[in-house]
Amino acid sequence: MLWNASYFLAGLLITLSILIFVHELGHFVAAKRSGVRVERFSIGFGPKIVGFERGGTEYVISAIPFGGYVRMAGEDPSGPTTGAKWEFMSKDKKTRALIVAAGPLMNFALSIVILTMLAGLVGVEKISTRVIGKVAPDSPAARAGLRMGDVIEAVGAEKVTDWDGVMRGFEKNLGQKVEIVFQREAKPETTSIDLRNLDSFADIGIEVLREPIVGDVAWQGPAYGAGIRSGDRIVEVDGKPIATWDDLREAILPYPGDTLEIVWQRGEEIHTSRIVPKDANGFGLIEITPMIERHRANPIEALKLGINMSLWAAKQIRHVTKFFAALFGHKGSADAVGGPIRIGEVAGDALRWGISNFLWFIALISAQLSVVNLIPIPVLDGGHILLLGIESITRRPVTARQRIIAHQIGFAFLVAFMLLVTLHDILRVAGR
C-alpha cells in the first residue's frame, strides 16, 4: 500500500538523519573544542546537494542519506600533512581518542535525553489496581488457590497498594514460601505460595487485570479502519463477551485474515463493525494497545529511568552474536538482527503508533548504535581507538600502509555484513 511505503521511507530517513547528525555533531564539537580545523561537515555521502561555508567549515547535505562524515584537517595520515597545530594528526593520542569517541558518546547521550524526556513529559506506566486478571493453569498461584478477580492486599509482611508493589513483594520472597492476604468477593482470605525454585515474578503465574479499554491505535491498522479509537471499550467479538484484555487477545489472536464482528462502547453509544485481523506470523492482530495509566516522573527519577533504559538498550547488541550463531548452524536466531529494510519497517510502524513511540524507537536504536560504533573494527570509531591503543603499546605510530590495509579489511567486513543482513531481510519479506 502507498501509505505503508510512505511510512517506511519517512521512518527510515528521519531515523537515519537524526542518528547520523547527532553522531557527527559529537565528532564536530570535540574537534572544534580541541582546536582541530574541520573542513567539511556532511550529512550523507556522494555529490553535494546544498551547502554553505562558515568559520572555515563547509556544511553540506549530500545525495546519499545513509551515512555522513566530518572531514578534519590532517585526518588522513596517508595524505598531505604540514604538522600544523590545527591538524588532527598533530594532536596527542588522548585528544584524538576523545574526538573519535565523541560520536558514539553523543548517540548514547541522545538516547538518555529522549528517554528522560518521555519519562518526564509522557510519563511511565503505573498500574494502580491489585486485581488478578489471569491465573495460569498448574502454576504456583493456581496451586495456592488464587483466582481471577482476587484482590491482593499483602505479600508476606508487606502491604501493597498497586501492582508494582505486588511484583516487588513476590520478587523479594523468591526462593521461599510466602503468605498472601487477598480479598475475594469483599471477604479477606489468606493462602501460601511456594516460591522455591522460581527465578522471577513471571514464573508465579498471575497477570494483572486489564480492562478491554483501547489505548493507542495504529494509524491505518485494522482497528483504525473499523473506526475504533483511543478510549473505546471493546465489549464483544463475534458474539463472545469481552470482560478483560486477555479475553480480547483470545478472541483475536487465533483468527488472522478472518472477518470478525466487533462491538465497542464509546461513552453511551454502542458501535459495531467488521474487522479483519492482520496476519503476523500466524497470529491475528488488530493493532491496538490497552489503555495505560501513566504518571510523570520527577526530573531526578526521569533521568535515572533514562539512563537505565539506555543501558538496557545498549546491552541488546548481544543479538548480533546470535545472528552469526544462527548463520553457522548454532543455537540462535537470524531474525535478531536487521539491516536498513528492518529498520525502515520498525521505524515506519513506530511512526504509525504516534510520535512518542517513534521517539522511543530512535532512543533505543541510538543507544545500540553507540555500542556498534565502538566495536574495534577498522573504519568504525572503535577501530580508530584500537589503532591508537596499538600506538600507545608499541610506542610508535601505525604506518600509513598498515592503516590502509586495516581500513580495507574493515570496510570489506562491514560491506559483507550489510549485504548479508539486507539479503536476509529481503528473503524474510519475500517469504511472507
Protein backbone atom coordinates (compact mmCIF):
# COMPACT_ATOMS: atom_id res chain seq x y z
CA MET A 1 0.00 0.00 0.00
CA LEU A 2 1.17 3.54 -0.77
CA TRP A 3 0.73 4.80 2.79
CA ASN A 4 2.73 1.83 4.11
CA ALA A 5 5.64 2.60 1.76
CA SER A 6 5.44 6.28 2.74
CA TYR A 7 5.76 5.46 6.43
CA PHE A 8 8.61 3.04 5.67
CA LEU A 9 10.59 5.73 3.81
CA ALA A 10 9.72 8.53 6.22
CA GLY A 11 10.60 6.43 9.27
CA LEU A 12 13.89 5.25 7.76
CA LEU A 13 15.04 8.68 6.53
CA ILE A 14 14.06 10.56 9.70
CA THR A 15 15.69 7.94 11.94
CA LEU A 16 18.95 7.79 9.98
CA SER A 17 19.11 11.59 9.60
CA ILE A 18 18.77 12.16 13.36
CA LEU A 19 21.22 9.40 14.34
CA ILE A 20 23.85 10.44 11.79
CA PHE A 21 23.54 14.16 12.55
CA VAL A 22 23.94 13.62 16.31
CA HIS A 23 26.86 11.21 15.80
CA GLU A 24 28.77 13.53 13.50
CA LEU A 25 27.93 16.50 15.72
CA GLY A 26 29.81 14.73 18.51
CA HIS A 27 32.95 14.45 16.37
CA PHE A 28 32.49 18.04 15.16
CA VAL A 29 32.14 19.63 18.61
CA ALA A 30 35.01 17.58 20.09
CA ALA A 31 37.27 18.52 17.17
CA LYS A 32 36.42 22.21 17.37
CA ARG A 33 36.96 22.30 21.16
CA SER A 34 40.32 20.56 20.69
CA GLY A 35 41.48 23.15 18.17
CA VAL A 36 41.24 20.86 15.13
CA ARG A 37 40.13 22.54 11.91
CA VAL A 38 37.00 20.91 10.47
CA GLU A 39 36.99 21.25 6.69
CA ARG A 40 33.58 19.68 5.97
CA PHE A 41 30.54 18.56 7.99
CA SER A 42 28.40 16.39 5.68
CA ILE A 43 25.09 14.67 6.24
CA GLY A 44 25.12 11.90 3.64
CA PHE A 45 27.70 10.80 1.08
CA GLY A 46 28.25 11.48 -2.59
CA PRO A 47 27.56 14.66 -4.56
CA LYS A 48 26.68 17.81 -2.64
CA ILE A 49 23.02 18.85 -2.90
CA VAL A 50 23.19 22.05 -0.89
CA GLY A 51 25.67 23.66 1.46
CA PHE A 52 27.30 26.79 2.82
CA GLU A 53 30.62 27.76 4.41
CA ARG A 54 31.12 29.43 7.76
CA GLY A 55 34.11 29.71 10.09
CA GLY A 56 36.35 27.74 7.76
CA THR A 57 33.96 24.75 7.67
CA GLU A 58 31.76 23.71 4.75
CA TYR A 59 28.36 22.41 5.89
CA VAL A 60 26.66 20.22 3.26
CA ILE A 61 23.80 17.82 2.65
CA SER A 62 24.84 15.13 0.18
CA ALA A 63 22.86 12.92 -2.18
CA ILE A 64 23.15 9.54 -0.42
CA PRO A 65 21.43 9.84 3.01
CA PHE A 66 22.72 6.57 4.51
CA GLY A 67 25.71 7.99 6.33
CA GLY A 68 27.69 11.12 6.94
CA TYR A 69 31.12 12.33 7.92
CA VAL A 70 33.25 15.06 9.47
CA ARG A 71 36.43 15.74 7.50
CA MET A 72 39.18 17.19 9.66
CA ALA A 73 42.42 18.81 8.53
CA GLY A 74 45.30 16.32 8.52
CA GLU A 75 43.00 13.42 9.45
CA ASP A 76 44.32 11.09 6.74
CA PRO A 77 47.93 10.15 7.62
CA SER A 78 48.49 8.96 4.03
CA GLY A 79 47.51 12.37 2.70
CA PRO A 80 49.29 15.71 2.82
CA THR A 81 50.02 16.97 6.35
CA THR A 82 52.04 20.02 7.42
CA GLY A 83 52.32 19.37 11.13
CA ALA A 84 50.25 22.47 11.85
CA LYS A 85 48.73 22.58 15.32
CA TRP A 86 45.16 22.58 13.92
CA GLU A 87 45.62 19.22 12.15
CA PHE A 88 44.10 16.07 13.64
CA MET A 89 47.34 14.04 13.49
CA SER A 90 49.20 16.83 15.31
CA LYS A 91 47.17 16.23 18.46
CA ASP A 92 48.25 13.79 21.14
CA LYS A 93 46.73 10.29 21.23
CA LYS A 94 44.39 11.10 24.14
CA THR A 95 42.88 14.08 22.31
CA ARG A 96 42.45 12.08 19.10
CA ALA A 97 40.78 9.24 21.04
CA LEU A 98 38.34 11.69 22.64
CA ILE A 99 37.44 13.19 19.26
CA VAL A 100 36.81 9.72 17.83
CA ALA A 101 34.80 8.53 20.86
CA ALA A 102 32.65 11.68 20.93
CA GLY A 103 30.40 10.35 18.14
CA PRO A 104 29.25 7.18 19.96
CA LEU A 105 29.03 9.12 23.24
CA MET A 106 26.68 11.63 21.61
CA ASN A 107 24.46 8.78 20.37
CA PHE A 108 24.26 7.39 23.90
CA ALA A 109 23.56 10.88 25.27
CA LEU A 110 20.74 11.29 22.73
CA SER A 111 19.16 8.07 23.99
CA ILE A 112 19.30 9.30 27.59
CA VAL A 113 17.83 12.71 26.66
CA ILE A 114 14.90 11.23 24.71
CA LEU A 115 14.04 8.58 27.31
CA THR A 116 14.35 11.10 30.16
CA MET A 117 12.05 13.49 28.29
CA LEU A 118 9.48 10.75 27.66
CA ALA A 119 9.53 9.69 31.33
CA GLY A 120 9.06 13.27 32.48
CA LEU A 121 6.55 14.54 29.91
CA VAL A 122 4.65 11.46 28.64
CA GLY A 123 5.05 9.51 31.87
CA VAL A 124 5.83 5.93 32.87
CA GLU A 125 3.37 3.10 33.29
CA LYS A 126 1.63 2.90 36.65
CA ILE A 127 -0.83 0.09 37.43
CA SER A 128 -2.84 1.16 40.45
CA THR A 129 -5.05 -1.94 40.54
CA ARG A 130 -4.18 -5.06 42.59
CA VAL A 131 -6.76 -7.27 40.88
CA ILE A 132 -5.66 -10.57 39.31
CA GLY A 133 -6.77 -10.80 35.69
CA LYS A 134 -5.45 -14.27 34.84
CA VAL A 135 -4.03 -17.29 36.65
CA ALA A 136 -2.01 -19.75 34.57
CA PRO A 137 -3.11 -23.40 34.93
CA ASP A 138 -0.92 -25.58 37.16
CA SER A 139 1.16 -22.58 38.22
CA PRO A 140 2.27 -21.86 41.81
CA ALA A 141 -0.53 -19.26 42.02
CA ALA A 142 -3.13 -21.77 40.78
CA ARG A 143 -1.92 -24.43 43.24
CA ALA A 144 -2.27 -21.85 46.02
CA GLY A 145 -5.93 -21.34 45.06
CA LEU A 146 -5.73 -17.82 43.65
CA ARG A 147 -8.35 -16.93 41.02
CA MET A 148 -9.15 -14.22 38.54
CA GLY A 149 -10.76 -11.29 40.36
CA ASP A 150 -8.89 -11.76 43.65
CA VAL A 151 -7.53 -8.51 45.07
CA ILE A 152 -4.09 -8.86 46.63
CA GLU A 153 -3.74 -6.96 49.91
CA ALA A 154 -0.36 -8.10 51.24
CA VAL A 155 2.59 -10.27 50.24
CA GLY A 156 4.31 -11.61 53.34
CA ALA A 157 4.59 -8.86 55.93
CA GLU A 158 4.34 -6.11 53.32
CA LYS A 159 1.05 -4.43 52.40
CA VAL A 160 0.70 -3.50 48.74
CA THR A 161 -1.11 -0.56 47.16
CA ASP A 162 -0.53 -1.18 43.44
CA TRP A 163 0.68 -3.86 41.02
CA ASP A 164 4.28 -2.68 41.25
CA GLY A 165 4.06 -3.38 44.98
CA VAL A 166 2.67 -6.84 44.23
CA MET A 167 5.59 -7.59 41.92
CA ARG A 168 8.17 -6.26 44.39
CA GLY A 169 6.64 -8.26 47.20
CA PHE A 170 6.81 -11.53 45.28
CA GLU A 171 10.32 -10.90 43.93
CA LYS A 172 11.53 -10.09 47.45
CA ASN A 173 10.32 -13.51 48.63
CA LEU A 174 11.54 -15.66 45.72
CA GLY A 175 13.10 -18.90 46.98
CA GLN A 176 10.75 -19.39 49.94
CA LYS A 177 7.12 -19.86 50.90
CA VAL A 178 5.18 -16.65 51.43
CA GLU A 179 1.75 -15.89 52.88
CA ILE A 180 -0.66 -13.89 50.71
CA VAL A 181 -3.57 -11.84 52.03
CA PHE A 182 -6.28 -11.15 49.45
CA GLN A 183 -9.94 -10.28 49.08
CA ARG A 184 -12.44 -12.47 47.27
CA GLU A 185 -15.93 -11.09 46.91
CA ALA A 186 -15.10 -8.44 49.56
CA LYS A 187 -14.08 -11.10 52.11
CA PRO A 188 -10.45 -11.30 53.38
CA GLU A 189 -8.69 -14.62 52.86
CA THR A 190 -5.14 -15.95 53.14
CA THR A 191 -3.07 -18.56 51.33
CA SER A 192 0.57 -19.56 50.96
CA ILE A 193 2.52 -19.73 47.71
CA ASP A 194 5.62 -21.85 47.29
CA LEU A 195 8.18 -19.65 45.52
CA ARG A 196 11.09 -22.07 45.88
CA ASN A 197 12.93 -22.86 42.64
CA LEU A 198 11.38 -19.85 40.90
CA ASP A 199 13.61 -17.35 39.06
CA SER A 200 11.29 -14.41 38.52
CA PHE A 201 7.82 -12.97 39.07
CA ALA A 202 6.73 -14.30 35.65
CA ASP A 203 7.10 -17.89 36.95
CA ILE A 204 4.39 -17.36 39.59
CA GLY A 205 1.58 -17.49 37.04
CA ILE A 206 -0.51 -14.37 37.62
CA GLU A 207 -1.25 -11.37 35.43
CA VAL A 208 -2.84 -8.07 36.34
CA LEU A 209 -6.43 -7.38 35.32
CA ARG A 210 -6.51 -5.10 32.30
CA GLU A 211 -9.89 -3.87 31.19
CA PRO A 212 -10.59 -4.00 27.43
CA ILE A 213 -10.21 -0.24 27.03
CA VAL A 214 -8.24 0.89 23.99
CA GLY A 215 -5.10 2.97 24.43
CA ASP A 216 -3.07 3.53 21.25
CA VAL A 217 -4.47 2.73 17.80
CA ALA A 218 -2.05 2.27 14.90
CA TRP A 219 -2.88 4.60 12.01
CA GLN A 220 -4.40 2.69 9.08
CA GLY A 221 -4.38 -0.57 11.07
CA PRO A 222 -7.39 -2.92 11.16
CA ALA A 223 -8.88 -1.30 14.28
CA TYR A 224 -8.36 2.21 12.88
CA GLY A 225 -10.09 1.21 9.64
CA ALA A 226 -13.05 -0.22 11.60
CA GLY A 227 -13.49 3.09 13.42
CA ILE A 228 -12.07 2.12 16.84
CA ARG A 229 -10.35 4.95 18.69
CA SER A 230 -8.46 5.51 21.96
CA GLY A 231 -10.77 5.30 24.98
CA ASP A 232 -13.24 2.87 23.40
CA ARG A 233 -14.21 -0.22 25.41
CA ILE A 234 -14.41 -3.49 23.45
CA VAL A 235 -17.48 -5.39 24.63
CA GLU A 236 -17.92 -8.25 22.14
CA VAL A 237 -16.09 -10.11 19.35
CA ASP A 238 -18.05 -12.49 17.12
CA GLY A 239 -20.71 -12.92 19.78
CA LYS A 240 -18.21 -13.58 22.61
CA PRO A 241 -18.49 -11.13 25.53
CA ILE A 242 -15.21 -9.39 26.38
CA ALA A 243 -14.58 -8.62 30.05
CA THR A 244 -10.77 -8.37 30.13
CA TRP A 245 -7.92 -7.60 27.76
CA ASP A 246 -6.97 -11.26 27.92
CA ASP A 247 -10.47 -12.16 26.65
CA LEU A 248 -9.85 -9.81 23.72
CA ARG A 249 -6.49 -11.43 22.88
CA GLU A 250 -8.05 -14.90 22.91
CA ALA A 251 -10.84 -13.69 20.63
CA ILE A 252 -8.45 -12.11 18.08
CA LEU A 253 -5.10 -13.93 18.04
CA PRO A 254 -6.30 -17.28 16.57
CA TYR A 255 -8.06 -15.67 13.59
CA PRO A 256 -5.57 -13.93 11.27
CA GLY A 257 -7.23 -12.96 7.99
CA ASP A 258 -10.74 -13.93 9.15
CA THR A 259 -13.64 -11.49 9.15
CA LEU A 260 -14.90 -10.87 12.69
CA GLU A 261 -17.71 -8.74 14.03
CA ILE A 262 -16.54 -6.42 16.80
CA VAL A 263 -18.67 -4.34 19.16
CA TRP A 264 -17.36 -1.45 21.24
CA GLN A 265 -18.71 1.25 23.51
CA ARG A 266 -17.85 4.95 23.25
CA GLY A 267 -19.48 6.93 26.03
CA GLU A 268 -23.13 5.89 25.96
CA GLU A 269 -23.02 4.81 22.30
CA ILE A 270 -22.58 1.25 21.01
CA HIS A 271 -20.74 0.75 17.70
CA THR A 272 -20.46 -2.36 15.54
CA SER A 273 -18.19 -3.11 12.61
CA ARG A 274 -16.50 -5.95 10.77
CA ILE A 275 -12.76 -6.30 11.19
CA VAL A 276 -10.07 -8.48 9.59
CA PRO A 277 -7.10 -9.14 11.93
CA LYS A 278 -3.70 -8.64 10.34
CA ASP A 279 -1.68 -11.84 9.89
CA ALA A 280 1.51 -11.52 11.95
CA ASN A 281 3.40 -14.83 11.74
CA GLY A 282 0.20 -16.81 12.14
CA PHE A 283 -1.39 -14.63 14.82
CA GLY A 284 -4.20 -12.14 14.35
CA LEU A 285 -3.59 -8.52 15.29
CA ILE A 286 -5.94 -5.54 15.06
CA GLU A 287 -3.13 -3.15 16.12
CA ILE A 288 -4.33 -1.64 19.38
CA THR A 289 -2.80 -1.46 22.86
CA PRO A 290 -4.54 -1.42 26.24
CA MET A 291 -5.14 1.90 27.96
CA ILE A 292 -2.17 2.50 30.24
CA GLU A 293 -2.27 4.61 33.37
CA ARG A 294 0.81 6.82 33.50
CA HIS A 295 2.47 9.14 35.97
CA ARG A 296 5.03 11.78 35.10
CA ALA A 297 8.36 11.15 36.76
CA ASN A 298 10.11 13.98 38.59
CA PRO A 299 13.36 15.21 36.98
CA ILE A 300 15.66 13.01 39.09
CA GLU A 301 13.51 9.90 38.65
CA ALA A 302 13.15 10.61 34.92
CA LEU A 303 16.93 10.92 34.48
CA LYS A 304 17.51 7.68 36.37
CA LEU A 305 14.96 5.89 34.18
CA GLY A 306 16.52 7.41 31.04
CA ILE A 307 19.99 6.16 31.98
CA ASN A 308 18.79 2.69 32.99
CA MET A 309 16.74 2.21 29.83
CA SER A 310 19.62 3.41 27.64
CA LEU A 311 21.95 0.90 29.32
CA TRP A 312 19.36 -1.85 28.79
CA ALA A 313 19.03 -0.91 25.10
CA ALA A 314 22.80 -0.88 24.62
CA LYS A 315 23.06 -4.40 26.01
CA GLN A 316 20.69 -5.68 23.30
CA ILE A 317 23.58 -5.52 20.85
CA ARG A 318 24.38 -9.05 22.03
CA HIS A 319 21.82 -10.19 19.46
CA VAL A 320 24.46 -9.66 16.78
CA THR A 321 26.31 -12.72 18.12
CA LYS A 322 23.05 -14.69 17.97
CA PHE A 323 22.72 -13.71 14.31
CA PHE A 324 26.14 -15.14 13.46
CA ALA A 325 25.45 -18.24 15.58
CA ALA A 326 22.31 -18.93 13.55
CA LEU A 327 24.14 -18.40 10.25
CA PHE A 328 26.69 -21.06 11.15
CA GLY A 329 24.13 -23.56 12.35
CA HIS A 330 24.46 -22.96 16.07
CA LYS A 331 21.71 -22.07 18.51
CA GLY A 332 20.48 -18.54 17.83
CA SER A 333 18.06 -16.51 15.76
CA ALA A 334 18.96 -14.92 12.43
CA ASP A 335 15.91 -12.66 12.93
CA ALA A 336 17.67 -10.98 15.86
CA VAL A 337 19.48 -8.52 13.55
CA GLY A 338 18.16 -6.44 10.68
CA GLY A 339 19.53 -4.04 8.11
CA PRO A 340 18.03 -0.89 6.56
CA ILE A 341 14.89 -2.78 5.49
CA ARG A 342 14.16 -3.96 9.04
CA ILE A 343 14.96 -0.53 10.47
CA GLY A 344 12.59 1.07 7.95
CA GLU A 345 9.82 -1.41 8.79
CA VAL A 346 10.09 -0.91 12.54
CA ALA A 347 10.57 2.85 12.23
CA GLY A 348 7.51 3.11 9.96
CA ASP A 349 5.40 1.06 12.38
CA ALA A 350 6.59 3.17 15.32
CA LEU A 351 5.64 6.31 13.41
CA ARG A 352 2.14 4.91 12.81
CA TRP A 353 1.74 4.38 16.56
CA GLY A 354 2.47 8.04 17.33
CA ILE A 355 5.35 10.42 17.98
CA SER A 356 6.17 9.14 21.50
CA ASN A 357 6.54 5.58 20.19
CA PHE A 358 8.71 6.84 17.33
CA LEU A 359 10.95 8.78 19.73
CA TRP A 360 11.22 5.67 21.91
CA PHE A 361 12.42 3.69 18.88
CA ILE A 362 15.00 6.32 17.94
CA ALA A 363 16.34 6.33 21.51
CA LEU A 364 16.78 2.55 21.57
CA ILE A 365 18.48 2.48 18.15
CA SER A 366 20.76 5.38 19.15
CA ALA A 367 21.92 3.55 22.29
CA GLN A 368 22.68 0.43 20.26
CA LEU A 369 24.48 2.44 17.58
CA SER A 370 26.78 3.88 20.24
CA VAL A 371 27.95 0.37 21.10
CA VAL A 372 28.21 -0.80 17.48
CA ASN A 373 30.49 2.13 16.62
CA LEU A 374 32.85 1.20 19.47
CA ILE A 375 33.41 -2.33 18.13
CA PRO A 376 37.17 -2.49 17.36
CA ILE A 377 36.80 -2.94 13.61
CA PRO A 378 38.84 -0.62 11.35
CA VAL A 379 36.60 2.01 9.67
CA LEU A 380 34.38 2.14 12.79
CA ASP A 381 35.25 4.53 15.62
CA GLY A 382 36.26 1.58 17.77
CA GLY A 383 38.80 0.60 15.09
CA HIS A 384 40.41 4.05 15.22
CA ILE A 385 40.63 3.82 19.01
CA LEU A 386 42.18 0.35 18.65
CA LEU A 387 44.91 1.71 16.37
CA LEU A 388 45.61 4.49 18.87
CA GLY A 389 45.88 1.85 21.59
CA ILE A 390 48.37 -0.12 19.49
CA GLU A 391 50.42 3.05 19.07
CA SER A 392 50.45 3.57 22.83
CA ILE A 393 51.61 0.00 23.49
CA THR A 394 54.25 -0.19 20.74
CA ARG A 395 55.31 3.45 21.26
CA ARG A 396 55.49 4.01 17.52
CA PRO A 397 52.84 5.18 15.04
CA VAL A 398 50.93 2.77 12.84
CA THR A 399 52.22 3.32 9.30
CA ALA A 400 50.01 4.71 6.54
CA ARG A 401 50.20 1.39 4.70
CA GLN A 402 49.11 -0.55 7.79
CA ARG A 403 46.19 1.84 8.29
CA ILE A 404 45.10 1.49 4.68
CA ILE A 405 45.22 -2.33 4.84
CA ALA A 406 43.31 -2.36 8.16
CA HIS A 407 40.66 0.01 6.78
CA GLN A 408 40.25 -2.07 3.62
CA ILE A 409 39.72 -5.22 5.68
CA GLY A 410 37.27 -3.46 7.99
CA PHE A 411 35.38 -1.90 5.10
CA ALA A 412 35.11 -5.27 3.31
CA PHE A 413 33.77 -6.87 6.50
CA LEU A 414 31.14 -4.16 7.00
CA VAL A 415 30.01 -4.30 3.37
CA ALA A 416 29.73 -8.10 3.55
CA PHE A 417 27.81 -7.87 6.83
CA MET A 418 25.37 -5.26 5.47
CA LEU A 419 24.80 -7.29 2.28
CA LEU A 420 24.17 -10.38 4.42
CA VAL A 421 21.61 -8.80 6.72
CA THR A 422 19.94 -6.99 3.79
CA LEU A 423 19.68 -10.26 1.84
CA HIS A 424 18.21 -11.92 4.92
CA ASP A 425 15.65 -9.09 5.22
CA ILE A 426 14.70 -9.41 1.54
CA LEU A 427 14.22 -13.18 1.87
CA ARG A 428 12.19 -12.65 5.05
CA VAL A 429 9.91 -10.09 3.38
CA ALA A 430 9.56 -12.22 0.20
CA GLY A 431 8.62 -15.25 2.28
CA ARG A 432 5.65 -13.56 3.92
